[in-house]
Amino acid sequence: MSSVTESATQLGAENVLRVGSPAPSIKVEDWLRGQPVTKFEPGKVYIIDFWATWCGACIASMPKLVSLQRKYRSNGVEVVGIAANEKASAADEARASLDAWLTKSLPNLNFPIAFDYAGEMSKLWMDPSFSVEIPSSFVVDRDGRLAFIGDPTKLDNVLPKVLNGSWAGSDEAEALDAERINKGQRVKREEALVKPIFARLRAAMNSKDWAAAVSAVEEALAARPDEVELRGLHAELLLYKIRDVPAGLAVLRELVRDAIGKKRVVWMYVAIRELFDPAKDYSGFPHAERFAMGKDLCEKILAANPPQDSELAKFLSYGPVAQYYYETGEKDRAIELVEVMLKWLDAAPIPDKAKRDQVQRSLQALASYRGEKLS
């Protein structure tokens, strides 16, 4: 899932949106698809899904929402998509981009899509519920109360129970609700702590002050030790910017060890990216250790059978994994892996720009492995 870093208003416990709370109102600027939903009709169940076109997990969840709408429409279920986090310099630009994306990527859409560039829906729904990531789904029951708030991948389990009346008041519903609120409160506290640190990190990266960047990353990691992208950046700065190989190797060894121990494909992707990126200069990096760590990671990545929301990390890992095989002399294996990645990318539910960039890099690698010049 993708983080939404808008600051929540400080809320008293009585104002927190939770399971059993009356559903807030729908306040949007425009409806780009389907019939507008202006109120919650008694007897119907609504899934209000917050998403964005830049969010890979959101895009991956869209076919599931289409399927749920088709399956449960006769049971009085209505899915509503809320595009409340589109990134653009102006509302008109965001609206046009979203409309074009919907036309190209979701021709079989069977539920309404609302556009909210001003962020009123986030203020009404996301912030008061301590929902800190998208995609995020809110299920409104037949009485107009919130029955579930959370990851849309859980809807297959939750929705049938909401419909048959066994969900409300259940231990499972209460536990998930408490877990979300506790996580959201923790994340908000962390965000308040690291916001000035990230500002210093951005400034240091922009000015190429690598020592200051390392200092900021280490300060951020003290608050967020399990932020894998920060850990990858830490290793990259030490190894390839400051060229402090002993310190960078210590950081990277720990990252590789944790990635394999956690059996998390996303972590392994970040780690293998630091070891086999054709754009990086590996002079001074101990050759034997680089290939030993690469071998362990490549074997684990290729053997992984991740859930749908981790497929992106697995297949993007095929780029550096292919580079490992190419450098070990297995050129045919490298070509095969890039071809598999390109085939996956062709139908992958990921944002268009990210897809174009990755396809271009993959085609360049494929041409290199074949000894060809990319036209």
Protein backbone atom coordinates (compact mmCIF):
# COMPACT_ATOMS: atom_id res chain seq x y z
CA MET A 1 0.00 0.00 0.00
CA SER A 2 1.06 3.63 -0.50
CA SER A 3 1.43 6.11 2.29
CA VAL A 4 -0.75 9.22 2.37
CA THR A 5 1.12 11.78 4.43
CA GLU A 6 -1.51 14.45 4.93
CA SER A 7 -1.51 15.55 8.58
CA ALA A 8 -4.58 14.52 10.51
CA THR A 9 -6.32 17.00 12.74
CA GLN A 10 -5.67 16.23 16.39
CA LEU A 11 -8.77 14.29 17.39
CA GLY A 12 -10.31 13.41 20.68
CA ALA A 13 -11.21 9.74 21.15
CA GLU A 14 -14.91 10.56 20.76
CA ASN A 15 -14.28 11.97 17.25
CA VAL A 16 -12.37 9.02 15.82
CA LEU A 17 -14.19 7.23 13.02
CA ARG A 18 -14.42 3.55 13.87
CA VAL A 19 -16.62 0.54 13.24
CA GLY A 20 -20.14 1.50 14.29
CA SER A 21 -19.71 5.23 13.60
CA PRO A 22 -22.26 6.89 11.29
CA ALA A 23 -20.79 7.15 7.79
CA PRO A 24 -19.63 10.67 6.90
CA SER A 25 -21.14 12.48 3.94
CA ILE A 26 -19.80 12.33 0.39
CA LYS A 27 -18.38 15.68 -0.70
CA VAL A 28 -16.59 15.63 -4.07
CA GLU A 29 -15.97 18.03 -6.93
CA ASP A 30 -17.00 15.86 -9.85
CA TRP A 31 -18.18 12.42 -10.93
CA LEU A 32 -16.14 11.08 -13.85
CA ARG A 33 -17.89 7.74 -14.24
CA GLY A 34 -21.28 6.31 -13.28
CA GLN A 35 -24.22 7.87 -11.49
CA PRO A 36 -23.39 10.19 -8.59
CA VAL A 37 -23.93 8.84 -5.08
CA THR A 38 -25.09 11.74 -2.93
CA LYS A 39 -26.46 9.83 0.06
CA PHE A 40 -26.51 6.34 1.52
CA GLU A 41 -29.82 4.63 0.89
CA PRO A 42 -31.15 2.50 3.76
CA GLY A 43 -30.94 -1.22 2.98
CA LYS A 44 -27.93 -0.89 0.66
CA VAL A 45 -24.28 -1.66 1.43
CA TYR A 46 -21.58 0.65 0.07
CA ILE A 47 -17.86 0.16 -0.46
CA ILE A 48 -16.16 3.57 -0.52
CA ASP A 49 -12.67 3.00 -1.90
CA PHE A 50 -9.92 5.65 -1.75
CA TRP A 51 -7.33 5.23 -4.49
CA ALA A 52 -5.01 7.07 -6.91
CA THR A 53 -3.54 6.37 -10.33
CA TRP A 54 0.04 6.76 -9.03
CA CYS A 55 -0.51 4.02 -6.43
CA GLY A 56 0.43 0.57 -7.74
CA ALA A 57 -1.48 -1.29 -5.02
CA CYS A 58 -4.58 0.82 -5.78
CA ILE A 59 -4.45 -0.06 -9.46
CA ALA A 60 -3.92 -3.72 -8.63
CA SER A 61 -7.06 -3.67 -6.44
CA MET A 62 -9.33 -2.22 -9.14
CA PRO A 63 -10.08 -5.52 -10.96
CA LYS A 64 -11.07 -7.03 -7.59
CA LEU A 65 -13.51 -4.18 -6.95
CA VAL A 66 -14.98 -4.64 -10.43
CA SER A 67 -15.44 -8.34 -9.62
CA LEU A 68 -17.02 -7.61 -6.21
CA GLN A 69 -19.46 -5.16 -7.78
CA ARG A 70 -20.47 -7.72 -10.38
CA LYS A 71 -20.84 -10.51 -7.80
CA TYR A 72 -22.77 -8.61 -5.14
CA ARG A 73 -24.80 -6.03 -7.06
CA SER A 74 -27.93 -8.13 -6.68
CA ASN A 75 -27.35 -8.11 -2.90
CA GLY A 76 -27.62 -4.32 -2.82
CA VAL A 77 -23.88 -3.61 -2.82
CA GLU A 78 -22.57 -0.48 -4.52
CA VAL A 79 -18.86 0.25 -4.97
CA VAL A 80 -17.78 3.89 -5.17
CA GLY A 81 -14.23 4.88 -6.11
CA ILE A 82 -12.86 8.11 -4.64
CA ALA A 83 -9.86 9.54 -6.49
CA ALA A 84 -8.80 11.90 -3.73
CA ASN A 85 -5.02 11.91 -4.03
CA GLU A 86 -4.21 12.64 -7.68
CA LYS A 87 -0.89 14.42 -8.17
CA ALA A 88 -0.99 17.41 -10.50
CA SER A 89 -0.34 21.13 -10.36
CA ALA A 90 -4.01 22.01 -10.89
CA ALA A 91 -7.41 20.36 -10.58
CA ASP A 92 -8.14 20.52 -14.32
CA GLU A 93 -4.86 18.78 -15.11
CA ALA A 94 -5.54 16.07 -12.53
CA ARG A 95 -9.11 15.57 -13.78
CA ALA A 96 -8.03 15.25 -17.42
CA SER A 97 -5.24 12.83 -16.56
CA LEU A 98 -7.57 10.70 -14.44
CA ASP A 99 -10.23 10.65 -17.14
CA ALA A 100 -7.70 9.53 -19.76
CA TRP A 101 -6.37 6.83 -17.45
CA LEU A 102 -9.87 5.47 -16.77
CA THR A 103 -10.65 5.33 -20.49
CA LYS A 104 -7.44 3.49 -21.29
CA SER A 105 -7.04 1.21 -18.28
CA LEU A 106 -10.53 0.43 -16.98
CA PRO A 107 -12.85 0.04 -19.98
CA ASN A 108 -14.91 -2.53 -18.06
CA LEU A 109 -15.48 -0.29 -15.03
CA ASN A 110 -18.89 -0.99 -13.47
CA PHE A 111 -19.02 1.44 -10.56
CA PRO A 112 -18.93 5.25 -10.19
CA ILE A 113 -15.69 7.21 -9.78
CA ALA A 114 -15.65 10.52 -7.92
CA PHE A 115 -12.92 13.16 -8.23
CA ASP A 116 -11.85 15.17 -5.19
CA TYR A 117 -8.77 17.27 -5.83
CA ALA A 118 -9.45 19.57 -2.86
CA GLY A 119 -9.14 16.70 -0.39
CA GLU A 120 -12.47 17.18 1.36
CA MET A 121 -13.12 13.43 1.41
CA SER A 122 -9.79 12.77 3.10
CA LYS A 123 -10.71 15.29 5.79
CA LEU A 124 -14.10 13.64 6.29
CA TRP A 125 -13.08 9.98 6.03
CA MET A 126 -9.36 9.19 5.99
CA ASP A 127 -7.99 11.55 8.63
CA PRO A 128 -10.64 10.97 11.35
CA SER A 129 -10.30 7.18 10.96
CA PHE A 130 -6.48 7.26 11.20
CA SER A 131 -6.32 5.64 7.76
CA VAL A 132 -2.77 6.40 6.66
CA GLU A 133 -2.43 4.40 3.43
CA ILE A 134 -4.19 3.92 0.15
CA PRO A 135 -5.93 1.92 -1.16
CA SER A 136 -8.30 2.08 1.76
CA SER A 137 -11.90 0.85 1.74
CA PHE A 138 -14.79 1.84 3.97
CA VAL A 139 -17.81 -0.49 4.08
CA VAL A 140 -21.07 1.26 4.97
CA ASP A 141 -23.74 -1.16 6.22
CA ARG A 142 -27.47 -1.18 5.52
CA ASP A 143 -28.07 1.22 8.41
CA GLY A 144 -25.57 3.80 7.19
CA ARG A 145 -22.89 2.90 9.72
CA LEU A 146 -19.26 1.99 9.13
CA ALA A 147 -18.80 -1.77 9.23
CA PHE A 148 -15.17 -2.00 8.09
CA ILE A 149 -12.25 0.33 7.40
CA GLY A 150 -9.04 -0.98 5.89
CA ASP A 151 -7.23 -2.85 3.14
CA PRO A 152 -9.55 -3.76 0.22
CA THR A 153 -7.80 -7.14 -0.06
CA LYS A 154 -9.76 -8.11 3.08
CA LEU A 155 -13.14 -7.47 1.45
CA ASP A 156 -13.51 -11.05 0.18
CA ASN A 157 -13.66 -12.14 3.81
CA VAL A 158 -15.47 -9.14 5.29
CA LEU A 159 -18.24 -8.39 2.78
CA PRO A 160 -20.15 -11.72 2.97
CA LYS A 161 -20.19 -11.40 6.77
CA VAL A 162 -21.48 -7.82 6.58
CA LEU A 163 -24.24 -9.01 4.25
CA ASN A 164 -25.32 -11.94 6.44
CA GLY A 165 -25.17 -9.88 9.64
CA SER A 166 -22.39 -11.82 11.37
CA TRP A 167 -19.73 -9.11 11.10
CA ALA A 168 -21.07 -6.31 13.29
CA GLY A 169 -19.91 -6.69 16.87
CA SER A 170 -17.71 -9.70 16.11
CA ASP A 171 -14.32 -10.11 17.78
CA GLU A 172 -12.70 -10.06 14.33
CA ALA A 173 -14.28 -6.73 13.41
CA GLU A 174 -13.29 -5.15 16.73
CA ALA A 175 -9.72 -6.47 16.54
CA LEU A 176 -9.15 -5.18 13.00
CA ASP A 177 -10.56 -1.80 13.95
CA ALA A 178 -8.33 -1.47 17.01
CA GLU A 179 -5.30 -2.59 14.99
CA ARG A 180 -5.94 0.07 12.33
CA ILE A 181 -6.38 2.88 14.84
CA ASN A 182 -3.28 1.89 16.82
CA LYS A 183 -1.22 1.70 13.63
CA GLY A 184 -2.56 5.01 12.35
CA GLN A 185 -1.81 6.80 15.61
CA ARG A 186 1.72 5.39 15.62
CA VAL A 187 2.32 6.41 12.01
CA LYS A 188 1.05 9.93 12.64
CA ARG A 189 3.41 10.30 15.60
CA GLU A 190 6.30 9.04 13.48
CA GLU A 191 5.39 11.37 10.62
CA ALA A 192 5.45 14.37 12.93
CA LEU A 193 8.87 13.27 14.14
CA VAL A 194 10.46 12.55 10.75
CA LYS A 195 8.92 15.35 8.68
CA PRO A 196 11.75 17.83 9.42
CA ILE A 197 14.32 15.05 8.96
CA PHE A 198 12.96 14.25 5.49
CA ALA A 199 13.07 17.95 4.62
CA ARG A 200 16.78 17.98 5.49
CA LEU A 201 17.29 14.75 3.52
CA ARG A 202 15.65 16.21 0.39
CA ALA A 203 17.75 19.35 0.64
CA ALA A 204 20.95 17.32 1.08
CA MET A 205 20.12 15.04 -1.86
CA ASN A 206 19.31 18.02 -4.09
CA SER A 207 22.60 19.73 -3.22
CA LYS A 208 24.54 16.44 -3.40
CA ASP A 209 25.77 16.91 0.15
CA TRP A 210 26.16 13.18 0.70
CA ALA A 211 27.52 13.41 4.24
CA ALA A 212 24.48 15.44 5.31
CA ALA A 213 22.22 12.97 3.48
CA VAL A 214 23.75 10.03 5.35
CA SER A 215 23.27 11.87 8.65
CA ALA A 216 19.60 12.55 7.84
CA VAL A 217 18.96 8.96 6.74
CA GLU A 218 20.51 7.61 9.94
CA GLU A 219 18.37 9.98 12.00
CA ALA A 220 15.24 8.89 10.11
CA LEU A 221 16.13 5.21 10.57
CA ALA A 222 16.33 5.74 14.32
CA ALA A 223 12.62 6.58 14.16
CA ARG A 224 11.71 4.11 11.38
CA PRO A 225 14.15 1.18 11.55
CA ASP A 226 12.02 -1.02 9.31
CA GLU A 227 11.61 1.48 6.46
CA VAL A 228 13.21 -0.65 3.76
CA GLU A 229 13.66 2.12 1.17
CA LEU A 230 15.54 4.18 3.77
CA ARG A 231 17.76 1.20 4.50
CA GLY A 232 18.50 0.77 0.81
CA LEU A 233 19.28 4.48 0.47
CA HIS A 234 21.59 4.25 3.48
CA ALA A 235 23.62 1.51 1.80
CA GLU A 236 23.62 3.32 -1.55
CA LEU A 237 24.89 6.59 -0.10
CA LEU A 238 27.69 4.91 1.81
CA LEU A 239 28.76 2.56 -0.98
CA TYR A 240 28.32 4.62 -4.13
CA LYS A 241 28.32 8.28 -3.08
CA ILE A 242 30.68 8.58 -0.11
CA ARG A 243 32.55 5.42 -1.19
CA ASP A 244 32.91 4.25 2.43
CA VAL A 245 32.89 0.58 1.43
CA PRO A 246 33.44 -0.95 4.89
CA ALA A 247 30.55 1.02 6.43
CA GLY A 248 28.33 0.48 3.38
CA LEU A 249 29.02 -3.24 3.32
CA ALA A 250 28.05 -3.57 6.97
CA VAL A 251 24.73 -1.85 6.24
CA LEU A 252 24.10 -3.90 3.09
CA ARG A 253 24.97 -7.21 4.77
CA GLU A 254 22.40 -6.49 7.46
CA LEU A 255 19.80 -5.55 4.85
CA VAL A 256 20.39 -8.77 2.89
CA ARG A 257 20.23 -10.85 6.05
CA ASP A 258 16.98 -9.22 7.17
CA ALA A 259 15.43 -9.46 3.69
CA ILE A 260 16.07 -13.20 3.51
CA GLY A 261 15.06 -13.74 7.14
CA LYS A 262 11.79 -11.86 6.72
CA LYS A 263 11.07 -13.66 3.41
CA ARG A 264 9.80 -10.33 2.08
CA VAL A 265 10.12 -9.89 -1.68
CA VAL A 266 10.01 -6.09 -1.38
CA TRP A 267 13.04 -6.18 0.93
CA MET A 268 14.89 -8.57 -1.37
CA TYR A 269 14.19 -6.27 -4.32
CA VAL A 270 15.70 -3.29 -2.50
CA ALA A 271 18.75 -5.37 -1.55
CA ILE A 272 19.42 -6.92 -4.99
CA ARG A 273 19.03 -3.46 -6.54
CA GLU A 274 22.06 -2.31 -4.55
CA LEU A 275 24.14 -5.28 -5.75
CA PHE A 276 23.38 -5.61 -9.47
CA ASP A 277 22.43 -2.31 -11.04
CA PRO A 278 24.25 -1.74 -14.37
CA ALA A 279 24.36 1.99 -13.63
CA LYS A 280 26.39 1.55 -10.42
CA ASP A 281 30.17 1.49 -10.12
CA TYR A 282 31.17 -1.65 -8.23
CA SER A 283 34.92 -1.00 -8.25
CA GLY A 284 36.17 -1.45 -4.70
CA PHE A 285 33.25 -3.74 -3.83
CA PRO A 286 34.58 -7.19 -2.83
CA HIS A 287 33.81 -9.32 -5.87
CA ALA A 288 33.27 -12.65 -4.11
CA GLU A 289 30.98 -11.18 -1.45
CA ARG A 290 28.91 -9.28 -3.99
CA PHE A 291 28.23 -12.46 -5.96
CA ALA A 292 27.65 -14.58 -2.86
CA MET A 293 24.97 -12.18 -1.57
CA GLY A 294 23.54 -11.91 -5.08
CA LYS A 295 23.28 -15.69 -5.43
CA ASP A 296 21.35 -16.02 -2.15
CA LEU A 297 18.96 -13.21 -3.04
CA CYS A 298 18.38 -14.35 -6.63
CA GLU A 299 17.50 -17.88 -5.55
CA LYS A 300 15.04 -16.60 -2.93
CA ILE A 301 13.43 -14.08 -5.31
CA LEU A 302 12.91 -16.62 -8.09
CA ALA A 303 11.46 -19.17 -5.65
CA ALA A 304 9.08 -16.66 -4.04
CA ASN A 305 5.36 -17.01 -4.59
CA PRO A 306 4.18 -13.64 -3.29
CA PRO A 307 0.60 -12.43 -2.82
CA GLN A 308 -0.79 -10.19 -5.54
CA ASP A 309 0.34 -6.94 -3.91
CA SER A 310 3.97 -8.16 -3.88
CA GLU A 311 4.08 -9.28 -7.52
CA LEU A 312 5.34 -5.86 -8.58
CA ALA A 313 8.45 -6.19 -6.40
CA LYS A 314 9.11 -9.73 -7.60
CA PHE A 315 8.97 -8.96 -11.30
CA LEU A 316 10.86 -5.67 -11.01
CA SER A 317 13.53 -7.69 -9.19
CA TYR A 318 14.05 -9.64 -12.41
CA GLY A 319 16.07 -6.70 -13.79
CA PRO A 320 18.93 -6.90 -11.26
CA VAL A 321 18.52 -10.69 -11.03
CA ALA A 322 19.08 -10.88 -14.79
CA GLN A 323 22.15 -8.69 -14.42
CA TYR A 324 23.52 -11.15 -11.84
CA TYR A 325 23.11 -14.05 -14.25
CA TYR A 326 24.59 -12.06 -17.12
CA GLU A 327 27.69 -11.20 -15.08
CA THR A 328 28.08 -14.84 -14.04
CA GLY A 329 28.11 -15.87 -17.71
CA GLU A 330 24.55 -17.21 -17.95
CA LYS A 331 23.51 -14.88 -20.76
CA ASP A 332 20.56 -17.00 -21.94
CA ARG A 333 19.13 -17.06 -18.41
CA ALA A 334 19.48 -13.28 -18.19
CA ILE A 335 17.66 -12.82 -21.50
CA GLU A 336 14.91 -15.21 -20.41
CA LEU A 337 14.30 -13.29 -17.19
CA VAL A 338 14.09 -9.91 -18.93
CA GLU A 339 11.64 -11.36 -21.46
CA VAL A 340 9.49 -12.71 -18.61
CA MET A 341 9.53 -9.29 -16.95
CA LEU A 342 8.56 -7.53 -20.19
CA LYS A 343 5.66 -9.94 -20.69
CA TRP A 344 4.47 -9.27 -17.15
CA LEU A 345 4.87 -5.51 -17.57
CA ASP A 346 2.71 -5.55 -20.68
CA ALA A 347 -0.36 -6.41 -18.62
CA ALA A 348 0.81 -5.17 -15.22
CA PRO A 349 -1.57 -2.95 -13.22
CA ILE A 350 0.98 -0.22 -12.55
CA PRO A 351 1.03 3.53 -13.32
CA ASP A 352 1.76 4.39 -16.95
CA LYS A 353 4.93 6.44 -16.37
CA ALA A 354 6.47 3.79 -14.12
CA LYS A 355 5.63 1.17 -16.74
CA ARG A 356 7.19 3.18 -19.60
CA ASP A 357 10.37 3.80 -17.61
CA GLN A 358 10.73 0.16 -16.61
CA VAL A 359 10.04 -1.10 -20.13
CA GLN A 360 12.70 1.24 -21.53
CA ARG A 361 15.28 0.04 -19.00
CA SER A 362 14.37 -3.59 -19.70
CA LEU A 363 14.69 -3.15 -23.46
CA GLN A 364 18.09 -1.52 -23.00
CA ALA A 365 19.24 -4.45 -20.84
CA LEU A 366 17.90 -6.96 -23.36
CA ALA A 367 19.75 -5.28 -26.22
CA SER A 368 22.94 -5.22 -24.17
CA TYR A 369 22.69 -8.92 -23.31
CA ARG A 370 22.13 -9.76 -26.98
CA GLY A 371 24.97 -7.53 -28.12
CA GLU A 372 22.56 -5.31 -30.03
CA LYS A 373 22.11 -1.55 -30.20
CA LEU A 374 18.71 -0.28 -29.07
CA SER A 375 17.16 1.71 -31.90
